[in-house]
Structures are given as C-alpha cells and as structure tokens.
C-alpha cells in the first residue's frame, strides 16, 4: 500500500511475444536503469510468436485493469523495417508505446481513445546504439521509462494523424433471428475458444440463456475440412459440466467462450482463430 502523502511510483506495464528467453528481462533492466522506482507489471510474454492480433486482443483485455501509466507492447515481426515506432496518448491519460502494426490501437480505444499519436524520434530518450532487430530494448523501453518518470509526451517526437495508424479489426458477431454468426477471435493457454460477441448478443438472437439450455454449435468447413457440429449446454461455470465435456459460457470479460472442462477443446477439434462459428438453439 502506498504510504499517505508519498508520490506514486512510476507504473509501466509490459506485453511481448518474447517468451522465456532473456529479452523481456533485458527490457525491464533498461526501464529500471532509468526509472529506478518503477513498478513494472508483466501482462504476458507468452503471446503466440509474431501474432500481432493475439497481442492486441490480450492488451485490450488487460489495460482497463491497469493503473494509469505507460504501457509497452512488443509483438513486432516488422522490426527494423519502415514501420513506425509510435506513442499513443489516451483519453484516460495513459501512454502506449510500441510498433505501428495494429498492436496498440484496440488497447488505446479501451482507455478513452487516442488523444494524440506521435512517432518516437527523440534520440536522447533511446539507447546510444540502436539495433535493427531489438527495438524493445533500444527504443521502446527507454522511451517508456523516460515518460514514466515525468517526461512530456510532446517530447517523444512529431505528431501523426491517428487515422494513419495501422489498426486490427476483430471478427464481429452477426445477430439473426434464432441464430448468432460468430468466429474464433483467440485461443487461450487452456485451449479455450474466445468467440466474437457477448452473452447479450446471443440472448438477443436466441432468447434467455438458462443454465443447461442446449445449443447447436457449428464450426464452418474450411480448407477442405468438413464442418464440425456439436450440441452443448449453456453453463454458468465449468464446475457444472463433467470433466472433458464441452460447454458454451460467458467468460470473465463478458465475451462468449467455448471450452472442454479441464481439457483443450482447440486441440480436440483442430480449430484456430478466424474459424466461423454458428450458434443456434438445439
């Protein structure tokens, strides 16, 4: 707990696809060498390699739960190319730092939208030598740390028009009479499927969602594979369903989810992101 009357410590959150190697720790070291008192919260370093959309999805889920601060995200298969290093100032007062490849925009929208966007150009806030393959260490981390200790956002570089930023669009649900057209947005580490839409969308399409109500869930045919059709119950929690059995549910963020209780449904069905999903009463 922060002592009464003391200034808040600088806050930095951090998300990457770096995995368990030393890259994330090196970046934290750079941040702490500049912002010695910073609190650094690791959102995840297990984003699927090069999966910018996965990173954008996880960032958009996590940021509303973070304190106001600086948020660094690096899933950057285009590192060293013409893609821009950017900072986004949000309506809530946070700053997001990372590559202009769509990774940051959805998260910024969850924090009140983009007030300003700037290219990271201030060489004084970067490491003296910048490589073409590790901008997380050489550019993003030191710029974030300088902002965290009170540097002005206007000092990072020149303004850019937010409309020119790369943005990622996630699948959207389509509500019909008695049917919801959805898609797999994300596969989590348990193998659970996060679907486009929320419980209100499904209820609007099919009526009241009562525990135990049966639904016909169809994963569309793709790439020569036959469609997959299962009949599953709507469940309030995993414990209502026997281990190994599938369920349709509302996840902890209010989104629709599809899972096998205590098992990996993505592996069992052989499905992945963007697979169309149709849900209707059984």
C-alpha atoms as a PDB file:
ATOM      1  CA  UNK A   1       0.000   0.000   0.000  1.00  0.00           C
ATOM      2  CA  UNK A   2       1.320   3.447  -0.963  1.00  0.00           C
ATOM      3  CA  UNK A   3       2.143   5.490   2.171  1.00  0.00           C
ATOM      4  CA  UNK A   4      -0.123   8.507   2.642  1.00  0.00           C
ATOM      5  CA  UNK A   5       1.340  11.664   1.167  1.00  0.00           C
ATOM      6  CA  UNK A   6       4.127   9.980  -0.804  1.00  0.00           C
ATOM      7  CA  UNK A   7       4.244  10.441  -4.580  1.00  0.00           C
ATOM      8  CA  UNK A   8       3.028   7.474  -6.614  1.00  0.00           C
ATOM      9  CA  UNK A   9       5.704   5.248  -8.079  1.00  0.00           C
ATOM     10  CA  UNK A  10       6.005   5.270 -11.878  1.00  0.00           C
ATOM     11  CA  UNK A  11       3.905   2.480 -13.410  1.00  0.00           C
ATOM     12  CA  UNK A  12       4.813   0.530 -16.564  1.00  0.00           C
ATOM     13  CA  UNK A  13       3.007  -2.499 -17.963  1.00  0.00           C
ATOM     14  CA  UNK A  14       4.731  -4.807 -20.430  1.00  0.00           C
ATOM     15  CA  UNK A  15       3.490  -7.295 -23.031  1.00  0.00           C
ATOM     16  CA  UNK A  16       5.545  -9.177 -25.632  1.00  0.00           C
ATOM     17  CA  UNK A  17       5.923 -12.411 -27.560  1.00  0.00           C
ATOM     18  CA  UNK A  18       9.492 -12.787 -26.237  1.00  0.00           C
ATOM     19  CA  UNK A  19       8.801 -15.974 -24.269  1.00  0.00           C
ATOM     20  CA  UNK A  20      11.097 -17.260 -21.501  1.00  0.00           C
ATOM     21  CA  UNK A  21      14.376 -16.083 -23.033  1.00  0.00           C
ATOM     22  CA  UNK A  22      16.243 -13.117 -21.572  1.00  0.00           C
ATOM     23  CA  UNK A  23      14.777 -10.445 -23.889  1.00  0.00           C
ATOM     24  CA  UNK A  24      11.942  -9.390 -21.541  1.00  0.00           C
ATOM     25  CA  UNK A  25      14.317  -9.218 -18.549  1.00  0.00           C
ATOM     26  CA  UNK A  26      16.770  -7.108 -20.548  1.00  0.00           C
ATOM     27  CA  UNK A  27      14.000  -4.659 -21.407  1.00  0.00           C
ATOM     28  CA  UNK A  28      12.954  -4.459 -17.761  1.00  0.00           C
ATOM     29  CA  UNK A  29      16.580  -3.774 -16.854  1.00  0.00           C
ATOM     30  CA  UNK A  30      16.701  -0.870 -19.306  1.00  0.00           C
ATOM     31  CA  UNK A  31      13.472   0.552 -17.879  1.00  0.00           C
ATOM     32  CA  UNK A  32      14.706   0.249 -14.283  1.00  0.00           C
ATOM     33  CA  UNK A  33      18.074   1.793 -15.083  1.00  0.00           C
ATOM     34  CA  UNK A  34      16.149   4.978 -15.993  1.00  0.00           C
ATOM     35  CA  UNK A  35      13.083   4.713 -13.745  1.00  0.00           C
ATOM     36  CA  UNK A  36      14.605   3.154 -10.613  1.00  0.00           C
ATOM     37  CA  UNK A  37      11.392   3.182  -8.588  1.00  0.00           C
ATOM     38  CA  UNK A  38       9.098   1.969 -11.361  1.00  0.00           C
ATOM     39  CA  UNK A  39       6.540  -0.741 -10.801  1.00  0.00           C
ATOM     40  CA  UNK A  40       6.639  -2.990 -13.869  1.00  0.00           C
ATOM     41  CA  UNK A  41       3.716  -5.372 -14.364  1.00  0.00           C
ATOM     42  CA  UNK A  42       4.209  -8.140 -16.932  1.00  0.00           C
ATOM     43  CA  UNK A  43       0.886  -8.642 -18.705  1.00  0.00           C
ATOM     44  CA  UNK A  44       2.276 -11.524 -20.759  1.00  0.00           C
ATOM     45  CA  UNK A  45       5.416 -12.605 -22.571  1.00  0.00           C
ATOM     46  CA  UNK A  46       3.696 -15.715 -23.945  1.00  0.00           C
ATOM     47  CA  UNK A  47       1.850 -14.131 -26.856  1.00  0.00           C
ATOM     48  CA  UNK A  48       1.973 -16.528 -29.791  1.00  0.00           C
ATOM     49  CA  UNK A  49       5.089 -15.715 -31.809  1.00  0.00           C
ATOM     50  CA  UNK A  50       4.542 -12.938 -34.383  1.00  0.00           C
ATOM     51  CA  UNK A  51       0.763 -12.973 -33.687  1.00  0.00           C
ATOM     52  CA  UNK A  52       0.113  -9.242 -33.596  1.00  0.00           C
ATOM     53  CA  UNK A  53      -3.657  -9.714 -33.366  1.00  0.00           C
ATOM     54  CA  UNK A  54      -3.332 -12.037 -30.365  1.00  0.00           C
ATOM     55  CA  UNK A  55      -1.201  -9.404 -28.649  1.00  0.00           C
ATOM     56  CA  UNK A  56      -3.687  -6.659 -29.477  1.00  0.00           C
ATOM     57  CA  UNK A  57      -6.534  -8.774 -28.082  1.00  0.00           C
ATOM     58  CA  UNK A  58      -4.738  -9.505 -24.802  1.00  0.00           C
ATOM     59  CA  UNK A  59      -3.620  -5.896 -24.424  1.00  0.00           C
ATOM     60  CA  UNK A  60      -7.175  -4.623 -24.920  1.00  0.00           C
ATOM     61  CA  UNK A  61      -8.447  -7.016 -22.240  1.00  0.00           C
ATOM     62  CA  UNK A  62      -5.763  -6.181 -19.697  1.00  0.00           C
ATOM     63  CA  UNK A  63      -5.299  -2.415 -19.919  1.00  0.00           C
ATOM     64  CA  UNK A  64      -8.608  -1.339 -18.333  1.00  0.00           C
ATOM     65  CA  UNK A  65      -7.481  -3.195 -15.180  1.00  0.00           C
ATOM     66  CA  UNK A  66      -4.110  -1.404 -15.027  1.00  0.00           C
ATOM     67  CA  UNK A  67      -3.389   1.851 -13.189  1.00  0.00           C
ATOM     68  CA  UNK A  68      -2.876   4.929 -15.322  1.00  0.00           C
ATOM     69  CA  UNK A  69       0.681   4.767 -16.599  1.00  0.00           C
ATOM     70  CA  UNK A  70       2.884   3.805 -19.514  1.00  0.00           C
ATOM     71  CA  UNK A  71       2.160   0.555 -21.350  1.00  0.00           C
ATOM     72  CA  UNK A  72       4.800  -1.084 -23.543  1.00  0.00           C
ATOM     73  CA  UNK A  73       3.833  -3.753 -26.067  1.00  0.00           C
ATOM     74  CA  UNK A  74       6.178  -5.528 -28.459  1.00  0.00           C
ATOM     75  CA  UNK A  75       4.942  -8.089 -30.968  1.00  0.00           C
ATOM     76  CA  UNK A  76       6.933  -6.816 -33.874  1.00  0.00           C
ATOM     77  CA  UNK A  77       7.655  -9.075 -36.857  1.00  0.00           C
ATOM     78  CA  UNK A  78       8.380  -5.922 -38.887  1.00  0.00           C
ATOM     79  CA  UNK A  79      11.119  -4.647 -36.566  1.00  0.00           C
ATOM     80  CA  UNK A  80      13.768  -2.695 -38.465  1.00  0.00           C
ATOM     81  CA  UNK A  81      11.524  -2.047 -41.491  1.00  0.00           C
ATOM     82  CA  UNK A  82       9.701   1.148 -42.430  1.00  0.00           C
ATOM     83  CA  UNK A  83       7.012   0.508 -39.796  1.00  0.00           C
ATOM     84  CA  UNK A  84       6.940   3.408 -37.343  1.00  0.00           C
ATOM     85  CA  UNK A  85       7.764   3.293 -33.621  1.00  0.00           C
ATOM     86  CA  UNK A  86       4.868   5.149 -32.011  1.00  0.00           C
ATOM     87  CA  UNK A  87       3.400   6.506 -28.814  1.00  0.00           C
ATOM     88  CA  UNK A  88      -0.326   6.949 -28.209  1.00  0.00           C
ATOM     89  CA  UNK A  89      -1.713   9.313 -25.560  1.00  0.00           C
ATOM     90  CA  UNK A  90      -5.152   8.117 -24.457  1.00  0.00           C
ATOM     91  CA  UNK A  91      -8.227   9.832 -23.121  1.00  0.00           C
ATOM     92  CA  UNK A  92      -7.587   8.341 -19.664  1.00  0.00           C
ATOM     93  CA  UNK A  93      -4.086   9.811 -19.601  1.00  0.00           C
ATOM     94  CA  UNK A  94      -2.076   6.648 -20.295  1.00  0.00           C
ATOM     95  CA  UNK A  95       0.639   6.382 -22.944  1.00  0.00           C
ATOM     96  CA  UNK A  96       1.059   3.261 -25.087  1.00  0.00           C
ATOM     97  CA  UNK A  97       4.474   2.603 -26.628  1.00  0.00           C
ATOM     98  CA  UNK A  98       5.242   0.101 -29.382  1.00  0.00           C
ATOM     99  CA  UNK A  99       5.255  -0.556 -33.130  1.00  0.00           C
ATOM    100  CA  UNK A 100       2.718   0.878 -35.554  1.00  0.00           C
ATOM    101  CA  UNK A 101       1.432  -2.502 -36.708  1.00  0.00           C
ATOM    102  CA  UNK A 102      -2.030  -2.580 -35.129  1.00  0.00           C
ATOM    103  CA  UNK A 103      -0.852  -3.837 -31.750  1.00  0.00           C
ATOM    104  CA  UNK A 104      -1.737  -0.719 -29.737  1.00  0.00           C
ATOM    105  CA  UNK A 105      -4.918   0.754 -31.192  1.00  0.00           C
ATOM    106  CA  UNK A 106      -7.530  -1.575 -29.652  1.00  0.00           C
ATOM    107  CA  UNK A 107      -5.961  -1.117 -26.221  1.00  0.00           C
ATOM    108  CA  UNK A 108      -5.968   2.659 -26.602  1.00  0.00           C
ATOM    109  CA  UNK A 109      -9.644   2.555 -27.532  1.00  0.00           C
ATOM    110  CA  UNK A 110     -10.367   0.814 -24.208  1.00  0.00           C
ATOM    111  CA  UNK A 111      -8.687   3.708 -22.368  1.00  0.00           C
ATOM    112  CA  UNK A 112     -10.799   6.528 -23.747  1.00  0.00           C
ATOM    113  CA  UNK A 113      -9.489   6.598 -27.289  1.00  0.00           C
ATOM    114  CA  UNK A 114      -6.450   8.225 -28.877  1.00  0.00           C
ATOM    115  CA  UNK A 115      -5.915  11.894 -27.952  1.00  0.00           C
ATOM    116  CA  UNK A 116      -2.563  12.178 -29.706  1.00  0.00           C
ATOM    117  CA  UNK A 117      -0.258   9.932 -31.699  1.00  0.00           C
ATOM    118  CA  UNK A 118       3.453  10.638 -32.115  1.00  0.00           C
ATOM    119  CA  UNK A 119       6.402   8.981 -33.822  1.00  0.00           C
ATOM    120  CA  UNK A 120       9.235   8.093 -31.421  1.00  0.00           C
ATOM    121  CA  UNK A 121      12.066  10.303 -32.647  1.00  0.00           C
ATOM    122  CA  UNK A 122      13.802  11.680 -29.542  1.00  0.00           C
ATOM    123  CA  UNK A 123      17.282  10.141 -29.726  1.00  0.00           C
ATOM    124  CA  UNK A 124      18.118  11.418 -26.245  1.00  0.00           C
ATOM    125  CA  UNK A 125      15.493   9.023 -24.846  1.00  0.00           C
ATOM    126  CA  UNK A 126      16.829   5.982 -26.705  1.00  0.00           C
ATOM    127  CA  UNK A 127      19.909   3.868 -26.157  1.00  0.00           C
ATOM    128  CA  UNK A 128      23.031   5.337 -27.713  1.00  0.00           C
ATOM    129  CA  UNK A 129      23.281   2.451 -30.156  1.00  0.00           C
ATOM    130  CA  UNK A 130      20.021   1.160 -31.643  1.00  0.00           C
ATOM    131  CA  UNK A 131      19.943  -2.166 -33.418  1.00  0.00           C
ATOM    132  CA  UNK A 132      17.645  -3.072 -36.304  1.00  0.00           C
ATOM    133  CA  UNK A 133      16.323  -6.182 -34.518  1.00  0.00           C
ATOM    134  CA  UNK A 134      15.689  -5.245 -30.864  1.00  0.00           C
ATOM    135  CA  UNK A 135      13.647  -2.053 -30.678  1.00  0.00           C
ATOM    136  CA  UNK A 136      12.041  -3.332 -27.485  1.00  0.00           C
ATOM    137  CA  UNK A 137      15.357  -2.792 -25.704  1.00  0.00           C
ATOM    138  CA  UNK A 138      16.798   0.100 -27.674  1.00  0.00           C
ATOM    139  CA  UNK A 139      13.770   2.341 -28.295  1.00  0.00           C
ATOM    140  CA  UNK A 140      10.529   1.289 -26.614  1.00  0.00           C
ATOM    141  CA  UNK A 141      11.871   0.542 -23.118  1.00  0.00           C
ATOM    142  CA  UNK A 142      13.966   3.697 -22.626  1.00  0.00           C
ATOM    143  CA  UNK A 143      11.300   5.967 -24.117  1.00  0.00           C
ATOM    144  CA  UNK A 144       8.670   4.395 -21.836  1.00  0.00           C
ATOM    145  CA  UNK A 145      10.884   4.810 -18.780  1.00  0.00           C
ATOM    146  CA  UNK A 146      11.546   8.472 -19.554  1.00  0.00           C
ATOM    147  CA  UNK A 147       7.816   9.070 -19.828  1.00  0.00           C
ATOM    148  CA  UNK A 148       7.173   7.151 -16.600  1.00  0.00           C
ATOM    149  CA  UNK A 149       9.468   9.471 -14.620  1.00  0.00           C
ATOM    150  CA  UNK A 150       7.646  12.546 -15.865  1.00  0.00           C
ATOM    151  CA  UNK A 151       8.867  13.246 -19.378  1.00  0.00           C
ATOM    152  CA  UNK A 152       6.397  15.187 -21.506  1.00  0.00           C
ATOM    153  CA  UNK A 153       4.637  13.178 -24.195  1.00  0.00           C
ATOM    154  CA  UNK A 154       5.196  16.038 -26.634  1.00  0.00           C
ATOM    155  CA  UNK A 155       8.948  15.395 -26.345  1.00  0.00           C
ATOM    156  CA  UNK A 156       8.863  11.918 -27.899  1.00  0.00           C
ATOM    157  CA  UNK A 157       8.554  13.155 -31.475  1.00  0.00           C
ATOM    158  CA  UNK A 158       6.324  14.668 -34.119  1.00  0.00           C
ATOM    159  CA  UNK A 159       2.561  14.313 -34.273  1.00  0.00           C
ATOM    160  CA  UNK A 160       0.947  11.887 -36.672  1.00  0.00           C
ATOM    161  CA  UNK A 161      -2.683  11.692 -37.703  1.00  0.00           C
ATOM    162  CA  UNK A 162      -4.388   8.872 -35.749  1.00  0.00           C
ATOM    163  CA  UNK A 163      -6.249   7.896 -38.908  1.00  0.00           C
ATOM    164  CA  UNK A 164      -2.943   6.851 -40.493  1.00  0.00           C
ATOM    165  CA  UNK A 165      -2.172   4.289 -37.771  1.00  0.00           C
ATOM    166  CA  UNK A 166      -2.341   0.603 -38.541  1.00  0.00           C
ATOM    167  CA  UNK A 167      -5.412  -0.942 -36.918  1.00  0.00           C
ATOM    168  CA  UNK A 168      -6.539  -4.534 -36.493  1.00  0.00           C
ATOM    169  CA  UNK A 169     -10.189  -5.368 -36.878  1.00  0.00           C
ATOM    170  CA  UNK A 170     -11.504  -8.313 -34.927  1.00  0.00           C
ATOM    171  CA  UNK A 171     -14.368 -10.512 -36.139  1.00  0.00           C
ATOM    172  CA  UNK A 172     -17.769  -9.088 -35.253  1.00  0.00           C
ATOM    173  CA  UNK A 173     -20.905 -11.093 -34.411  1.00  0.00           C
ATOM    174  CA  UNK A 174     -23.949 -11.017 -36.649  1.00  0.00           C
ATOM    175  CA  UNK A 175     -27.280 -11.344 -34.850  1.00  0.00           C
ATOM    176  CA  UNK A 176     -30.058 -13.127 -36.715  1.00  0.00           C
ATOM    177  CA  UNK A 177     -33.456 -14.455 -35.786  1.00  0.00           C
ATOM    178  CA  UNK A 178     -32.683 -17.571 -33.792  1.00  0.00           C
ATOM    179  CA  UNK A 179     -29.010 -17.635 -34.760  1.00  0.00           C
ATOM    180  CA  UNK A 180     -25.724 -15.908 -33.941  1.00  0.00           C
ATOM    181  CA  UNK A 181     -22.939 -15.866 -36.511  1.00  0.00           C
ATOM    182  CA  UNK A 182     -19.607 -15.603 -34.724  1.00  0.00           C
ATOM    183  CA  UNK A 183     -15.963 -16.608 -35.157  1.00  0.00           C
ATOM    184  CA  UNK A 184     -12.968 -17.644 -33.080  1.00  0.00           C
ATOM    185  CA  UNK A 185     -11.119 -14.490 -32.015  1.00  0.00           C
ATOM    186  CA  UNK A 186      -8.493 -16.022 -29.724  1.00  0.00           C
ATOM    187  CA  UNK A 187      -7.366 -19.382 -28.344  1.00  0.00           C
ATOM    188  CA  UNK A 188      -6.146 -19.099 -24.766  1.00  0.00           C
ATOM    189  CA  UNK A 189      -3.471 -21.135 -22.988  1.00  0.00           C
ATOM    190  CA  UNK A 190      -6.060 -23.657 -21.774  1.00  0.00           C
ATOM    191  CA  UNK A 191      -7.214 -24.274 -25.332  1.00  0.00           C
ATOM    192  CA  UNK A 192     -10.497 -22.448 -24.690  1.00  0.00           C
ATOM    193  CA  UNK A 193     -12.003 -20.521 -27.596  1.00  0.00           C
ATOM    194  CA  UNK A 194     -12.847 -16.833 -27.203  1.00  0.00           C
ATOM    195  CA  UNK A 195     -15.633 -16.034 -29.649  1.00  0.00           C
ATOM    196  CA  UNK A 196     -16.845 -12.831 -31.289  1.00  0.00           C
ATOM    197  CA  UNK A 197     -19.787 -11.394 -29.373  1.00  0.00           C
ATOM    198  CA  UNK A 198     -21.049 -11.437 -25.825  1.00  0.00           C
ATOM    199  CA  UNK A 199     -23.891 -13.062 -23.926  1.00  0.00           C
ATOM    200  CA  UNK A 200     -26.218 -10.146 -24.706  1.00  0.00           C
ATOM    201  CA  UNK A 201     -25.669 -10.721 -28.433  1.00  0.00           C
ATOM    202  CA  UNK A 202     -26.534 -14.402 -28.058  1.00  0.00           C
ATOM    203  CA  UNK A 203     -29.567 -13.681 -25.890  1.00  0.00           C
ATOM    204  CA  UNK A 204     -30.801 -11.162 -28.452  1.00  0.00           C
ATOM    205  CA  UNK A 205     -30.554 -13.833 -31.138  1.00  0.00           C
ATOM    206  CA  UNK A 206     -31.977 -16.845 -29.292  1.00  0.00           C
ATOM    207  CA  UNK A 207     -33.703 -15.652 -26.108  1.00  0.00           C
ATOM    208  CA  UNK A 208     -32.951 -16.269 -22.446  1.00  0.00           C
ATOM    209  CA  UNK A 209     -29.735 -18.096 -21.604  1.00  0.00           C
ATOM    210  CA  UNK A 210     -30.577 -20.505 -18.802  1.00  0.00           C
ATOM    211  CA  UNK A 211     -28.046 -22.992 -17.402  1.00  0.00           C
ATOM    212  CA  UNK A 212     -28.397 -26.328 -19.146  1.00  0.00           C
ATOM    213  CA  UNK A 213     -30.106 -24.970 -22.262  1.00  0.00           C
ATOM    214  CA  UNK A 214     -28.787 -26.849 -25.311  1.00  0.00           C
ATOM    215  CA  UNK A 215     -27.219 -25.194 -28.326  1.00  0.00           C
ATOM    216  CA  UNK A 216     -26.084 -26.458 -31.701  1.00  0.00           C
ATOM    217  CA  UNK A 217     -22.618 -25.053 -32.353  1.00  0.00           C
ATOM    218  CA  UNK A 218     -21.201 -25.407 -35.868  1.00  0.00           C
ATOM    219  CA  UNK A 219     -17.616 -24.681 -36.836  1.00  0.00           C
ATOM    220  CA  UNK A 220     -17.711 -23.985 -40.567  1.00  0.00           C
ATOM    221  CA  UNK A 221     -15.904 -26.069 -43.167  1.00  0.00           C
ATOM    222  CA  UNK A 222     -12.519 -24.538 -44.018  1.00  0.00           C
ATOM    223  CA  UNK A 223      -9.520 -25.551 -46.131  1.00  0.00           C
ATOM    224  CA  UNK A 224     -11.104 -28.800 -47.235  1.00  0.00           C
ATOM    225  CA  UNK A 225     -12.121 -29.813 -43.704  1.00  0.00           C
ATOM    226  CA  UNK A 226     -15.686 -30.835 -43.013  1.00  0.00           C
ATOM    227  CA  UNK A 227     -17.825 -28.698 -40.691  1.00  0.00           C
ATOM    228  CA  UNK A 228     -17.813 -29.679 -37.032  1.00  0.00           C
ATOM    229  CA  UNK A 229     -21.155 -29.739 -35.235  1.00  0.00           C
ATOM    230  CA  UNK A 230     -21.644 -30.250 -31.504  1.00  0.00           C
ATOM    231  CA  UNK A 231     -24.614 -29.962 -29.173  1.00  0.00           C
ATOM    232  CA  UNK A 232     -23.558 -28.357 -25.906  1.00  0.00           C
ATOM    233  CA  UNK A 233     -25.173 -26.802 -22.824  1.00  0.00           C
ATOM    234  CA  UNK A 234     -25.039 -23.183 -21.783  1.00  0.00           C
ATOM    235  CA  UNK A 235     -23.219 -23.196 -18.442  1.00  0.00           C
ATOM    236  CA  UNK A 236     -22.639 -20.612 -15.754  1.00  0.00           C
ATOM    237  CA  UNK A 237     -19.330 -22.153 -14.687  1.00  0.00           C
ATOM    238  CA  UNK A 238     -17.017 -25.031 -15.594  1.00  0.00           C
ATOM    239  CA  UNK A 239     -17.903 -26.985 -12.462  1.00  0.00           C
ATOM    240  CA  UNK A 240     -21.443 -27.540 -13.752  1.00  0.00           C
ATOM    241  CA  UNK A 241     -20.076 -29.733 -16.555  1.00  0.00           C
ATOM    242  CA  UNK A 242     -18.355 -33.146 -16.230  1.00  0.00           C
ATOM    243  CA  UNK A 243     -14.595 -33.096 -16.959  1.00  0.00           C
ATOM    244  CA  UNK A 244     -13.848 -33.466 -20.649  1.00  0.00           C
ATOM    245  CA  UNK A 245     -17.293 -32.343 -21.785  1.00  0.00           C
ATOM    246  CA  UNK A 246     -17.859 -29.175 -23.872  1.00  0.00           C
ATOM    247  CA  UNK A 247     -19.758 -26.085 -22.805  1.00  0.00           C
ATOM    248  CA  UNK A 248     -20.789 -22.671 -24.079  1.00  0.00           C
ATOM    249  CA  UNK A 249     -20.343 -19.913 -21.497  1.00  0.00           C
ATOM    250  CA  UNK A 250     -19.671 -16.259 -20.727  1.00  0.00           C
ATOM    251  CA  UNK A 251     -16.014 -15.683 -19.889  1.00  0.00           C
ATOM    252  CA  UNK A 252     -14.702 -13.382 -17.158  1.00  0.00           C
ATOM    253  CA  UNK A 253     -14.616 -10.424 -19.582  1.00  0.00           C
ATOM    254  CA  UNK A 254     -18.240 -10.859 -20.665  1.00  0.00           C
ATOM    255  CA  UNK A 255     -17.386 -12.476 -24.016  1.00  0.00           C
ATOM    256  CA  UNK A 256     -18.693 -15.742 -25.382  1.00  0.00           C
ATOM    257  CA  UNK A 257     -16.469 -18.762 -24.808  1.00  0.00           C
ATOM    258  CA  UNK A 258     -16.402 -22.387 -25.887  1.00  0.00           C
ATOM    259  CA  UNK A 259     -14.413 -24.935 -23.897  1.00  0.00           C
ATOM    260  CA  UNK A 260     -13.950 -28.502 -22.771  1.00  0.00           C
ATOM    261  CA  UNK A 261     -13.978 -28.618 -18.981  1.00  0.00           C
ATOM    262  CA  UNK A 262     -10.406 -29.354 -17.845  1.00  0.00           C
ATOM    263  CA  UNK A 263      -9.322 -30.132 -21.407  1.00  0.00           C
ATOM    264  CA  UNK A 264      -8.110 -28.441 -24.600  1.00  0.00           C
ATOM    265  CA  UNK A 265     -11.033 -28.008 -26.994  1.00  0.00           C
ATOM    266  CA  UNK A 266      -8.945 -26.268 -29.668  1.00  0.00           C
ATOM    267  CA  UNK A 267      -6.671 -29.284 -29.904  1.00  0.00           C
ATOM    268  CA  UNK A 268      -9.555 -31.780 -29.802  1.00  0.00           C
ATOM    269  CA  UNK A 269     -11.405 -30.064 -32.645  1.00  0.00           C
ATOM    270  CA  UNK A 270      -8.340 -28.883 -34.558  1.00  0.00           C
ATOM    271  CA  UNK A 271      -9.667 -25.321 -34.832  1.00  0.00           C
ATOM    272  CA  UNK A 272      -7.999 -21.931 -34.664  1.00  0.00           C
ATOM    273  CA  UNK A 273      -8.547 -18.199 -34.989  1.00  0.00           C
ATOM    274  CA  UNK A 274     -10.961 -16.858 -37.612  1.00  0.00           C
ATOM    275  CA  UNK A 275     -12.864 -20.142 -37.940  1.00  0.00           C
ATOM    276  CA  UNK A 276     -16.525 -19.113 -38.432  1.00  0.00           C
ATOM    277  CA  UNK A 277     -18.893 -20.355 -35.730  1.00  0.00           C
ATOM    278  CA  UNK A 278     -22.699 -20.527 -35.887  1.00  0.00           C
ATOM    279  CA  UNK A 279     -24.733 -20.859 -32.692  1.00  0.00           C
ATOM    280  CA  UNK A 280     -28.442 -21.703 -32.605  1.00  0.00           C
ATOM    281  CA  UNK A 281     -30.784 -23.496 -30.196  1.00  0.00           C
ATOM    282  CA  UNK A 282     -30.575 -27.284 -30.408  1.00  0.00           C
END
